[in-house]
Amino acid sequence: MDRKTGLGVAVAAMVMLMASAASGRAQGMAAPATAAMTTTQMDPAKALDKQLSGVEGEFVGLAEAMPAEDYGFAPSAGLFKAGTKTEFDGVRTFAQQITHVVQANYHFFSGFAAQPPTVDVKAIGNLTSKAEVVKALKDSFAYAHAAVATITVANAFQVVNAKNGATPAGLTSFAIAHMFDHYGQMVEYARMNGVVPPASAK
């Protein structure tokens, strides 16, 4: 073996040793994370309820922050400069945004709750005063929490409606997304009336 060939073999061997050592270190560092991922689990009811509580805090906080006199507010063309193309026919008022979500909450969560709603869900759409609307909102969240508490590993993805394939976990996820959809709209309503959403104020 000449000197040049011997040097090449030595370098190759060194590269292989370094790669092996690096691989060993990487596996050693990955082991704890992998173990944590495979052994740490959360009950589905607890995980979903945590998400529900998150949107509840922001939604109820905003509903309480909006002055009672602005519960009838809805965007209108008059709020924009002349000539601006707008379309606000049929847009919900601030109160109607909330009552819509309240009714939707009962609709979604009654799909798998242990008990049906004890309130007249249809009549909720007629509420206009802040006190009544906020109470209805809080009551709907209480109902939602009770429903989520019934979710288990066994039934989380069990179909409860053959027509649309709805499951408790799916209905809960969709309901939370629906709440955040309207929360985003309500944030604009609030800011148009000089109200800073509590979640943003923090």
N, C-alpha and C. Protein backbone atom coordinates (compact mmCIF):
# COMPACT_ATOMS: atom_id res chain seq x y z
N MET A 1 0.87 -1.20 0.00
CA MET A 1 0.00 0.00 0.00
C MET A 1 0.90 1.23 0.00
N ASP A 2 0.70 2.15 -0.97
CA ASP A 2 1.53 3.35 -0.99
C ASP A 2 1.02 4.37 0.03
N ARG A 3 1.79 5.42 0.18
CA ARG A 3 1.46 6.43 1.20
C ARG A 3 0.12 7.11 0.93
N LYS A 4 -0.15 7.40 -0.36
CA LYS A 4 -1.38 8.10 -0.73
C LYS A 4 -2.61 7.23 -0.45
N THR A 5 -2.48 5.94 -0.79
CA THR A 5 -3.61 5.03 -0.55
C THR A 5 -3.86 4.85 0.94
N GLY A 6 -2.76 4.73 1.69
CA GLY A 6 -2.89 4.57 3.14
C GLY A 6 -3.56 5.76 3.79
N LEU A 7 -3.24 6.97 3.30
CA LEU A 7 -3.85 8.20 3.85
C LEU A 7 -5.35 8.21 3.56
N GLY A 8 -5.72 7.76 2.35
CA GLY A 8 -7.13 7.73 1.99
C GLY A 8 -7.92 6.78 2.86
N VAL A 9 -7.35 5.62 3.16
CA VAL A 9 -8.02 4.64 4.01
C VAL A 9 -8.18 5.18 5.42
N ALA A 10 -7.16 5.87 5.91
CA ALA A 10 -7.22 6.44 7.26
C ALA A 10 -8.31 7.49 7.37
N VAL A 11 -8.39 8.34 6.34
CA VAL A 11 -9.42 9.39 6.35
C VAL A 11 -10.81 8.77 6.30
N ALA A 12 -10.98 7.75 5.47
CA ALA A 12 -12.28 7.09 5.36
C ALA A 12 -12.68 6.47 6.68
N ALA A 13 -11.73 5.85 7.34
CA ALA A 13 -12.01 5.23 8.63
C ALA A 13 -12.42 6.27 9.67
N MET A 14 -11.72 7.41 9.64
CA MET A 14 -12.02 8.49 10.59
C MET A 14 -13.43 9.03 10.36
N VAL A 15 -13.80 9.19 9.08
CA VAL A 15 -15.14 9.70 8.74
C VAL A 15 -16.20 8.73 9.24
N MET A 16 -15.96 7.43 9.07
CA MET A 16 -16.92 6.43 9.52
C MET A 16 -17.07 6.44 11.03
N LEU A 17 -15.97 6.62 11.75
CA LEU A 17 -16.03 6.68 13.21
C LEU A 17 -16.80 7.90 13.68
N MET A 18 -16.54 9.04 13.04
CA MET A 18 -17.25 10.28 13.41
C MET A 18 -18.75 10.16 13.15
N ALA A 19 -19.09 9.54 12.00
CA ALA A 19 -20.51 9.38 11.66
C ALA A 19 -21.20 8.46 12.66
N SER A 20 -20.49 7.39 13.06
CA SER A 20 -21.05 6.46 14.03
C SER A 20 -21.27 7.13 15.38
N ALA A 21 -20.29 7.95 15.79
CA ALA A 21 -20.41 8.65 17.07
C ALA A 21 -21.55 9.65 17.04
N ALA A 22 -21.67 10.37 15.92
CA ALA A 22 -22.75 11.36 15.78
C ALA A 22 -24.10 10.69 15.82
N SER A 23 -24.17 9.51 15.14
CA SER A 23 -25.43 8.77 15.12
C SER A 23 -25.82 8.31 16.52
N GLY A 24 -24.80 7.86 17.26
CA GLY A 24 -25.06 7.42 18.63
C GLY A 24 -25.55 8.55 19.51
N ARG A 25 -24.94 9.74 19.35
CA ARG A 25 -25.37 10.91 20.14
C ARG A 25 -26.79 11.31 19.77
N ALA A 26 -27.09 11.28 18.47
CA ALA A 26 -28.44 11.67 18.01
C ALA A 26 -29.49 10.72 18.57
N GLN A 27 -29.16 9.43 18.56
CA GLN A 27 -30.11 8.46 19.09
C GLN A 27 -30.29 8.64 20.59
N GLY A 28 -29.20 8.97 21.25
CA GLY A 28 -29.27 9.18 22.69
C GLY A 28 -30.12 10.38 23.04
N MET A 29 -30.00 11.45 22.21
CA MET A 29 -30.80 12.65 22.47
C MET A 29 -32.26 12.42 22.11
N ALA A 30 -32.51 11.62 21.10
CA ALA A 30 -33.88 11.40 20.64
C ALA A 30 -34.65 10.46 21.56
N ALA A 31 -33.93 9.61 22.27
CA ALA A 31 -34.59 8.60 23.10
C ALA A 31 -35.55 9.17 24.12
N PRO A 32 -35.14 10.20 24.91
CA PRO A 32 -36.08 10.74 25.91
C PRO A 32 -37.33 11.32 25.28
N ALA A 33 -37.16 12.04 24.14
CA ALA A 33 -38.32 12.65 23.48
C ALA A 33 -39.27 11.58 22.97
N THR A 34 -38.68 10.54 22.37
CA THR A 34 -39.52 9.45 21.85
C THR A 34 -40.27 8.76 22.98
N ALA A 35 -39.56 8.55 24.09
CA ALA A 35 -40.19 7.90 25.23
C ALA A 35 -41.34 8.74 25.76
N ALA A 36 -41.11 10.06 25.80
CA ALA A 36 -42.15 10.96 26.30
C ALA A 36 -43.37 10.93 25.40
N MET A 37 -43.13 10.87 24.10
CA MET A 37 -44.24 10.88 23.16
C MET A 37 -45.06 9.59 23.24
N THR A 38 -44.40 8.49 23.55
CA THR A 38 -45.12 7.22 23.56
C THR A 38 -45.74 6.89 24.91
N THR A 39 -45.29 7.56 25.97
CA THR A 39 -45.81 7.23 27.29
C THR A 39 -46.72 8.29 27.89
N THR A 40 -46.60 9.55 27.42
CA THR A 40 -47.42 10.63 27.97
C THR A 40 -48.71 10.76 27.17
N GLN A 41 -49.82 10.52 27.81
CA GLN A 41 -51.12 10.62 27.15
C GLN A 41 -52.06 11.46 28.01
N MET A 42 -53.06 12.04 27.34
CA MET A 42 -54.06 12.82 28.05
C MET A 42 -55.43 12.28 27.72
N ASP A 43 -56.28 12.21 28.71
CA ASP A 43 -57.65 11.76 28.50
C ASP A 43 -58.31 12.67 27.46
N PRO A 44 -59.02 12.13 26.46
CA PRO A 44 -59.62 12.97 25.42
C PRO A 44 -60.57 14.03 25.96
N ALA A 45 -61.31 13.70 27.00
CA ALA A 45 -62.23 14.68 27.57
C ALA A 45 -61.46 15.87 28.13
N LYS A 46 -60.34 15.58 28.79
CA LYS A 46 -59.53 16.64 29.38
C LYS A 46 -58.88 17.49 28.29
N ALA A 47 -58.38 16.84 27.25
CA ALA A 47 -57.72 17.57 26.16
C ALA A 47 -58.70 18.49 25.43
N LEU A 48 -59.89 17.97 25.12
CA LEU A 48 -60.88 18.76 24.41
C LEU A 48 -61.47 19.85 25.29
N ASP A 49 -61.63 19.55 26.58
CA ASP A 49 -62.18 20.54 27.49
C ASP A 49 -61.22 21.72 27.65
N LYS A 50 -59.94 21.42 27.57
CA LYS A 50 -58.93 22.48 27.66
C LYS A 50 -59.08 23.46 26.49
N GLN A 51 -59.32 22.91 25.30
CA GLN A 51 -59.54 23.75 24.12
C GLN A 51 -60.84 24.55 24.26
N LEU A 52 -61.87 23.90 24.76
CA LEU A 52 -63.16 24.56 24.96
C LEU A 52 -63.02 25.72 25.95
N SER A 53 -62.28 25.50 27.02
CA SER A 53 -62.09 26.55 28.02
C SER A 53 -61.32 27.73 27.43
N GLY A 54 -60.42 27.44 26.51
CA GLY A 54 -59.66 28.50 25.87
C GLY A 54 -60.54 29.46 25.09
N VAL A 55 -61.40 28.90 24.24
CA VAL A 55 -62.28 29.77 23.46
C VAL A 55 -63.33 30.42 24.36
N GLU A 56 -63.75 29.72 25.39
CA GLU A 56 -64.74 30.28 26.32
C GLU A 56 -64.21 31.54 26.98
N GLY A 57 -62.96 31.50 27.43
CA GLY A 57 -62.38 32.66 28.09
C GLY A 57 -62.37 33.89 27.19
N GLU A 58 -61.99 33.70 25.94
CA GLU A 58 -61.91 34.82 25.01
C GLU A 58 -63.31 35.30 24.60
N PHE A 59 -64.20 34.35 24.32
CA PHE A 59 -65.53 34.69 23.84
C PHE A 59 -66.36 35.40 24.91
N VAL A 60 -66.41 34.82 26.10
CA VAL A 60 -67.19 35.42 27.19
C VAL A 60 -66.56 36.76 27.60
N GLY A 61 -65.24 36.82 27.61
CA GLY A 61 -64.57 38.06 27.97
C GLY A 61 -64.96 39.20 27.04
N LEU A 62 -65.03 38.92 25.75
CA LEU A 62 -65.40 39.94 24.77
C LEU A 62 -66.87 40.31 24.91
N ALA A 63 -67.72 39.32 25.15
CA ALA A 63 -69.15 39.59 25.31
C ALA A 63 -69.39 40.50 26.51
N GLU A 64 -68.62 40.31 27.57
CA GLU A 64 -68.79 41.12 28.77
C GLU A 64 -68.17 42.51 28.59
N ALA A 65 -67.16 42.62 27.75
CA ALA A 65 -66.48 43.90 27.56
C ALA A 65 -67.29 44.88 26.70
N MET A 66 -68.09 44.36 25.80
CA MET A 66 -68.87 45.22 24.91
C MET A 66 -69.98 45.90 25.71
N PRO A 67 -70.09 47.23 25.64
CA PRO A 67 -71.15 47.95 26.38
C PRO A 67 -72.54 47.49 25.95
N ALA A 68 -73.47 47.50 26.89
CA ALA A 68 -74.83 47.06 26.61
C ALA A 68 -75.47 47.85 25.47
N GLU A 69 -75.15 49.14 25.40
CA GLU A 69 -75.76 49.97 24.36
C GLU A 69 -75.26 49.64 22.95
N ASP A 70 -74.18 48.86 22.87
CA ASP A 70 -73.65 48.50 21.55
C ASP A 70 -74.01 47.08 21.13
N TYR A 71 -74.87 46.43 21.90
CA TYR A 71 -75.26 45.07 21.53
C TYR A 71 -76.11 45.03 20.27
N GLY A 72 -76.69 46.15 19.91
CA GLY A 72 -77.48 46.22 18.69
C GLY A 72 -76.66 46.68 17.49
N PHE A 73 -75.36 46.85 17.69
CA PHE A 73 -74.49 47.35 16.61
C PHE A 73 -74.22 46.29 15.55
N ALA A 74 -74.24 46.74 14.30
CA ALA A 74 -73.82 45.92 13.17
C ALA A 74 -73.16 46.85 12.16
N PRO A 75 -72.13 46.42 11.46
CA PRO A 75 -71.49 47.27 10.45
C PRO A 75 -72.50 47.70 9.40
N SER A 76 -72.31 48.88 8.86
CA SER A 76 -73.21 49.37 7.82
C SER A 76 -72.40 50.19 6.82
N ALA A 77 -72.99 50.42 5.66
CA ALA A 77 -72.31 51.16 4.61
C ALA A 77 -71.93 52.57 5.06
N GLY A 78 -72.73 53.14 5.97
CA GLY A 78 -72.48 54.48 6.42
C GLY A 78 -71.18 54.66 7.19
N LEU A 79 -70.56 53.56 7.59
CA LEU A 79 -69.30 53.63 8.33
C LEU A 79 -68.10 53.77 7.41
N PHE A 80 -68.32 53.67 6.11
CA PHE A 80 -67.22 53.71 5.15
C PHE A 80 -67.30 54.96 4.29
N LYS A 81 -66.19 55.32 3.69
CA LYS A 81 -66.16 56.54 2.89
C LYS A 81 -67.06 56.39 1.66
N ALA A 82 -67.56 57.51 1.20
CA ALA A 82 -68.48 57.52 0.06
C ALA A 82 -67.83 56.85 -1.15
N GLY A 83 -68.62 56.06 -1.84
CA GLY A 83 -68.12 55.39 -3.04
C GLY A 83 -67.53 54.02 -2.79
N THR A 84 -67.34 53.69 -1.51
CA THR A 84 -66.78 52.37 -1.19
C THR A 84 -67.85 51.30 -1.40
N LYS A 85 -67.48 50.25 -2.10
CA LYS A 85 -68.43 49.17 -2.35
C LYS A 85 -68.60 48.34 -1.08
N THR A 86 -69.82 48.28 -0.59
CA THR A 86 -70.10 47.52 0.64
C THR A 86 -71.36 46.69 0.46
N GLU A 87 -71.48 45.65 1.27
CA GLU A 87 -72.67 44.81 1.24
C GLU A 87 -72.90 44.29 2.65
N PHE A 88 -73.82 44.95 3.36
CA PHE A 88 -74.06 44.58 4.75
C PHE A 88 -75.51 44.18 5.03
N ASP A 89 -76.26 43.95 3.98
CA ASP A 89 -77.66 43.53 4.19
C ASP A 89 -77.70 42.20 4.93
N GLY A 90 -78.48 42.16 6.01
CA GLY A 90 -78.64 40.93 6.75
C GLY A 90 -77.51 40.58 7.69
N VAL A 91 -76.53 41.48 7.84
CA VAL A 91 -75.41 41.21 8.75
C VAL A 91 -75.92 41.18 10.19
N ARG A 92 -75.44 40.24 10.96
CA ARG A 92 -75.88 40.10 12.35
C ARG A 92 -75.39 41.25 13.22
N THR A 93 -76.18 41.58 14.24
CA THR A 93 -75.75 42.54 15.24
C THR A 93 -74.78 41.81 16.19
N PHE A 94 -74.17 42.56 17.08
CA PHE A 94 -73.25 41.94 18.04
C PHE A 94 -74.01 40.91 18.88
N ALA A 95 -75.20 41.26 19.32
CA ALA A 95 -76.01 40.33 20.12
C ALA A 95 -76.35 39.09 19.31
N GLN A 96 -76.68 39.26 18.03
CA GLN A 96 -77.05 38.13 17.19
C GLN A 96 -75.87 37.22 16.89
N GLN A 97 -74.67 37.79 16.85
CA GLN A 97 -73.48 36.95 16.69
C GLN A 97 -73.40 35.97 17.86
N ILE A 98 -73.65 36.48 19.05
CA ILE A 98 -73.56 35.64 20.24
C ILE A 98 -74.69 34.62 20.30
N THR A 99 -75.92 35.08 20.08
CA THR A 99 -77.05 34.14 20.17
C THR A 99 -76.96 33.05 19.11
N HIS A 100 -76.39 33.41 17.97
CA HIS A 100 -76.18 32.39 16.92
C HIS A 100 -75.23 31.31 17.42
N VAL A 101 -74.15 31.72 18.07
CA VAL A 101 -73.18 30.76 18.60
C VAL A 101 -73.80 29.93 19.73
N VAL A 102 -74.61 30.58 20.55
CA VAL A 102 -75.29 29.86 21.65
C VAL A 102 -76.16 28.75 21.07
N GLN A 103 -76.95 29.08 20.08
CA GLN A 103 -77.82 28.08 19.46
C GLN A 103 -77.00 26.97 18.81
N ALA A 104 -75.91 27.36 18.16
CA ALA A 104 -75.04 26.37 17.52
C ALA A 104 -74.41 25.45 18.56
N ASN A 105 -74.02 26.01 19.70
CA ASN A 105 -73.43 25.19 20.76
C ASN A 105 -74.39 24.08 21.19
N TYR A 106 -75.65 24.45 21.40
CA TYR A 106 -76.63 23.44 21.80
C TYR A 106 -76.83 22.41 20.68
N HIS A 107 -76.79 22.88 19.45
CA HIS A 107 -76.96 21.96 18.32
C HIS A 107 -75.82 20.95 18.25
N PHE A 108 -74.59 21.43 18.31
CA PHE A 108 -73.43 20.54 18.19
C PHE A 108 -73.31 19.58 19.37
N PHE A 109 -73.34 20.14 20.58
CA PHE A 109 -73.08 19.32 21.75
C PHE A 109 -74.24 18.39 22.13
N SER A 110 -75.45 18.74 21.72
CA SER A 110 -76.57 17.84 22.00
C SER A 110 -76.47 16.58 21.15
N GLY A 111 -75.57 16.61 20.16
CA GLY A 111 -75.38 15.45 19.30
C GLY A 111 -74.82 14.25 20.04
N PHE A 112 -74.19 14.51 21.20
CA PHE A 112 -73.65 13.37 21.97
C PHE A 112 -73.76 13.57 23.48
N ALA A 113 -74.39 14.67 23.92
CA ALA A 113 -74.54 14.93 25.35
C ALA A 113 -75.43 13.87 26.01
N ALA A 114 -75.23 13.70 27.31
CA ALA A 114 -76.03 12.71 28.04
C ALA A 114 -77.49 13.14 28.13
N GLN A 115 -77.72 14.45 28.16
CA GLN A 115 -79.08 14.98 28.29
C GLN A 115 -79.34 16.03 27.20
N PRO A 116 -80.57 16.14 26.71
CA PRO A 116 -80.89 17.18 25.73
C PRO A 116 -80.95 18.54 26.43
N PRO A 117 -80.88 19.63 25.68
CA PRO A 117 -80.96 20.97 26.29
C PRO A 117 -82.27 21.15 27.05
N THR A 118 -82.19 21.87 28.16
CA THR A 118 -83.41 22.13 28.94
C THR A 118 -83.95 23.53 28.67
N VAL A 119 -83.39 24.19 27.68
CA VAL A 119 -83.84 25.54 27.33
C VAL A 119 -84.49 25.51 25.96
N ASP A 120 -85.26 26.56 25.66
CA ASP A 120 -85.88 26.71 24.35
C ASP A 120 -84.81 27.31 23.43
N VAL A 121 -84.12 26.47 22.71
CA VAL A 121 -82.99 26.91 21.87
C VAL A 121 -83.44 27.91 20.82
N LYS A 122 -84.58 27.68 20.22
CA LYS A 122 -85.07 28.59 19.17
C LYS A 122 -85.32 29.98 19.72
N ALA A 123 -85.85 30.09 20.95
CA ALA A 123 -86.18 31.38 21.54
C ALA A 123 -84.93 32.21 21.85
N ILE A 124 -83.79 31.56 21.95
CA ILE A 124 -82.55 32.29 22.26
C ILE A 124 -82.25 33.33 21.19
N GLY A 125 -82.68 33.05 19.97
CA GLY A 125 -82.44 33.99 18.88
C GLY A 125 -83.17 35.31 19.04
N ASN A 126 -84.13 35.37 19.95
CA ASN A 126 -84.89 36.61 20.16
C ASN A 126 -84.30 37.49 21.27
N LEU A 127 -83.30 36.99 21.96
CA LEU A 127 -82.71 37.78 23.05
C LEU A 127 -81.93 38.97 22.50
N THR A 128 -82.03 40.10 23.18
CA THR A 128 -81.34 41.31 22.72
C THR A 128 -80.55 42.01 23.82
N SER A 129 -80.98 41.89 25.08
CA SER A 129 -80.29 42.61 26.15
C SER A 129 -78.98 41.92 26.51
N LYS A 130 -78.00 42.70 26.90
CA LYS A 130 -76.69 42.15 27.23
C LYS A 130 -76.79 41.11 28.34
N ALA A 131 -77.53 41.42 29.39
CA ALA A 131 -77.63 40.51 30.53
C ALA A 131 -78.18 39.15 30.11
N GLU A 132 -79.23 39.16 29.31
CA GLU A 132 -79.85 37.90 28.87
C GLU A 132 -78.94 37.13 27.93
N VAL A 133 -78.30 37.86 27.04
CA VAL A 133 -77.44 37.21 26.04
C VAL A 133 -76.20 36.59 26.71
N VAL A 134 -75.58 37.32 27.61
CA VAL A 134 -74.38 36.81 28.29
C VAL A 134 -74.74 35.58 29.14
N LYS A 135 -75.88 35.63 29.82
CA LYS A 135 -76.31 34.48 30.62
C LYS A 135 -76.52 33.25 29.74
N ALA A 136 -77.18 33.48 28.60
CA ALA A 136 -77.44 32.37 27.67
C ALA A 136 -76.12 31.80 27.15
N LEU A 137 -75.15 32.67 26.91
CA LEU A 137 -73.84 32.24 26.44
C LEU A 137 -73.15 31.36 27.47
N LYS A 138 -73.14 31.82 28.71
CA LYS A 138 -72.49 31.05 29.77
C LYS A 138 -73.19 29.72 30.00
N ASP A 139 -74.51 29.72 29.91
CA ASP A 139 -75.26 28.48 30.08
C ASP A 139 -74.92 27.47 28.97
N SER A 140 -74.72 27.98 27.76
CA SER A 140 -74.39 27.08 26.64
C SER A 140 -73.01 26.48 26.83
N PHE A 141 -72.10 27.23 27.41
CA PHE A 141 -70.76 26.69 27.67
C PHE A 141 -70.82 25.64 28.78
N ALA A 142 -71.66 25.86 29.77
CA ALA A 142 -71.82 24.87 30.84
C ALA A 142 -72.33 23.56 30.24
N TYR A 143 -73.28 23.68 29.33
CA TYR A 143 -73.83 22.49 28.66
C TYR A 143 -72.74 21.81 27.84
N ALA A 144 -71.92 22.60 27.15
CA ALA A 144 -70.84 22.06 26.33
C ALA A 144 -69.82 21.31 27.18
N HIS A 145 -69.45 21.88 28.32
CA HIS A 145 -68.49 21.23 29.20
C HIS A 145 -69.02 19.89 29.71
N ALA A 146 -70.30 19.86 30.04
CA ALA A 146 -70.92 18.62 30.53
C ALA A 146 -70.89 17.54 29.44
N ALA A 147 -71.12 17.96 28.21
CA ALA A 147 -71.10 17.00 27.10
C ALA A 147 -69.69 16.48 26.86
N VAL A 148 -68.73 17.37 26.85
CA VAL A 148 -67.34 16.98 26.61
C VAL A 148 -66.84 16.02 27.69
N ALA A 149 -67.34 16.18 28.89
CA ALA A 149 -66.92 15.31 30.00
C ALA A 149 -67.30 13.86 29.76
N THR A 150 -68.22 13.61 28.84
CA THR A 150 -68.65 12.23 28.57
C THR A 150 -67.77 11.54 27.52
N ILE A 151 -66.85 12.28 26.92
CA ILE A 151 -66.00 11.71 25.87
C ILE A 151 -64.91 10.82 26.48
N THR A 152 -64.76 9.65 25.93
CA THR A 152 -63.76 8.70 26.40
C THR A 152 -62.92 8.21 25.21
N VAL A 153 -61.89 7.46 25.51
CA VAL A 153 -61.07 6.87 24.45
C VAL A 153 -61.94 5.97 23.57
N ALA A 154 -62.88 5.30 24.20
CA ALA A 154 -63.73 4.35 23.47
C ALA A 154 -64.74 5.01 22.55
N ASN A 155 -65.28 6.18 22.97
CA ASN A 155 -66.35 6.77 22.16
C ASN A 155 -65.97 8.06 21.43
N ALA A 156 -64.76 8.55 21.60
CA ALA A 156 -64.36 9.83 21.00
C ALA A 156 -64.63 9.87 19.50
N PHE A 157 -64.37 8.75 18.82
CA PHE A 157 -64.55 8.71 17.37
C PHE A 157 -65.63 7.71 16.96
N GLN A 158 -66.53 7.49 17.86
CA GLN A 158 -67.67 6.62 17.57
C GLN A 158 -68.74 7.45 16.85
N VAL A 159 -69.21 6.98 15.73
CA VAL A 159 -70.18 7.73 14.94
C VAL A 159 -71.51 7.84 15.70
N VAL A 160 -71.96 9.09 15.88
CA VAL A 160 -73.23 9.32 16.59
C VAL A 160 -74.32 9.78 15.62
N ASN A 161 -73.93 10.04 14.39
CA ASN A 161 -74.89 10.44 13.37
C ASN A 161 -74.47 9.80 12.05
N ALA A 162 -75.16 8.74 11.68
CA ALA A 162 -74.79 8.00 10.48
C ALA A 162 -74.91 8.83 9.21
N LYS A 163 -75.79 9.83 9.23
CA LYS A 163 -76.04 10.65 8.05
C LYS A 163 -74.82 11.48 7.67
N ASN A 164 -74.15 12.07 8.67
CA ASN A 164 -73.00 12.91 8.35
C ASN A 164 -71.69 12.40 8.95
N GLY A 165 -71.74 11.24 9.59
CA GLY A 165 -70.51 10.66 10.15
C GLY A 165 -69.96 11.41 11.33
N ALA A 166 -70.79 12.18 12.02
CA ALA A 166 -70.32 12.98 13.16
C ALA A 166 -69.91 12.10 14.34
N THR A 167 -68.85 12.52 15.03
CA THR A 167 -68.38 11.85 16.23
C THR A 167 -68.27 12.88 17.35
N PRO A 168 -68.22 12.47 18.61
CA PRO A 168 -68.08 13.44 19.70
C PRO A 168 -66.85 14.33 19.55
N ALA A 169 -65.71 13.73 19.20
CA ALA A 169 -64.50 14.52 19.03
C ALA A 169 -64.64 15.47 17.84
N GLY A 170 -65.23 14.98 16.76
CA GLY A 170 -65.40 15.81 15.58
C GLY A 170 -66.35 16.98 15.82
N LEU A 171 -67.46 16.70 16.49
CA LEU A 171 -68.43 17.76 16.79
C LEU A 171 -67.83 18.82 17.70
N THR A 172 -67.05 18.37 18.67
CA THR A 172 -66.42 19.33 19.59
C THR A 172 -65.42 20.21 18.86
N SER A 173 -64.60 19.60 18.02
CA SER A 173 -63.61 20.37 17.26
C SER A 173 -64.28 21.38 16.33
N PHE A 174 -65.35 20.94 15.66
CA PHE A 174 -66.05 21.83 14.75
C PHE A 174 -66.71 22.97 15.51
N ALA A 175 -67.29 22.65 16.67
CA ALA A 175 -67.96 23.69 17.47
C ALA A 175 -66.96 24.75 17.91
N ILE A 176 -65.78 24.33 18.33
CA ILE A 176 -64.75 25.28 18.77
C ILE A 176 -64.30 26.16 17.60
N ALA A 177 -64.13 25.55 16.43
CA ALA A 177 -63.74 26.32 15.24
C ALA A 177 -64.83 27.33 14.89
N HIS A 178 -66.08 26.92 15.02
CA HIS A 178 -67.22 27.80 14.72
C HIS A 178 -67.24 28.99 15.68
N MET A 179 -66.96 28.74 16.95
CA MET A 179 -66.93 29.83 17.94
C MET A 179 -65.84 30.84 17.59
N PHE A 180 -64.66 30.34 17.24
CA PHE A 180 -63.56 31.25 16.91
C PHE A 180 -63.85 32.03 15.63
N ASP A 181 -64.58 31.43 14.70
CA ASP A 181 -64.97 32.12 13.48
C ASP A 181 -65.76 33.38 13.84
N HIS A 182 -66.77 33.22 14.69
CA HIS A 182 -67.60 34.37 15.06
C HIS A 182 -66.89 35.30 16.04
N TYR A 183 -66.01 34.74 16.84
CA TYR A 183 -65.24 35.59 17.75
C TYR A 183 -64.42 36.60 16.94
N GLY A 184 -63.83 36.14 15.84
CA GLY A 184 -63.04 37.03 14.99
C GLY A 184 -63.88 38.18 14.44
N GLN A 185 -65.12 37.87 14.06
CA GLN A 185 -66.00 38.92 13.56
C GLN A 185 -66.37 39.90 14.68
N MET A 186 -66.62 39.35 15.85
CA MET A 186 -67.00 40.19 17.00
C MET A 186 -65.88 41.12 17.45
N VAL A 187 -64.65 40.67 17.25
CA VAL A 187 -63.50 41.52 17.58
C VAL A 187 -63.54 42.79 16.74
N GLU A 188 -63.88 42.63 15.45
CA GLU A 188 -63.99 43.81 14.58
C GLU A 188 -65.12 44.73 15.04
N TYR A 189 -66.24 44.14 15.44
CA TYR A 189 -67.37 44.93 15.94
C TYR A 189 -66.92 45.75 17.15
N ALA A 190 -66.22 45.07 18.05
CA ALA A 190 -65.78 45.73 19.28
C ALA A 190 -64.83 46.88 18.98
N ARG A 191 -63.84 46.63 18.14
CA ARG A 191 -62.85 47.67 17.84
C ARG A 191 -63.48 48.85 17.10
N MET A 192 -64.51 48.59 16.31
CA MET A 192 -65.20 49.67 15.61
C MET A 192 -65.95 50.56 16.60
N ASN A 193 -66.13 50.04 17.82
CA ASN A 193 -66.79 50.82 18.87
C ASN A 193 -65.82 51.22 19.97
N GLY A 194 -64.54 51.16 19.67
CA GLY A 194 -63.53 51.61 20.62
C GLY A 194 -63.28 50.66 21.78
N VAL A 195 -63.67 49.40 21.63
CA VAL A 195 -63.50 48.42 22.70
C VAL A 195 -62.33 47.49 22.34
N VAL A 196 -61.35 47.41 23.23
CA VAL A 196 -60.22 46.50 23.01
C VAL A 196 -60.57 45.14 23.60
N PRO A 197 -60.53 44.08 22.83
CA PRO A 197 -60.85 42.75 23.34
C PRO A 197 -59.94 42.42 24.53
N PRO A 198 -60.48 41.91 25.63
CA PRO A 198 -59.67 41.58 26.79
C PRO A 198 -58.48 40.68 26.46
N ALA A 199 -58.66 39.74 25.54
CA ALA A 199 -57.57 38.83 25.19
C ALA A 199 -56.41 39.59 24.55
N SER A 200 -56.73 40.67 23.81
CA SER A 200 -55.68 41.48 23.19
C SER A 200 -55.06 42.45 24.20
N ALA A 201 -55.87 42.90 25.13
CA ALA A 201 -55.39 43.85 26.14
C ALA A 201 -54.31 43.24 27.01
N LYS A 202 -54.36 41.91 27.18
CA LYS A 202 -53.37 41.24 28.02
C LYS A 202 -51.99 41.31 27.39
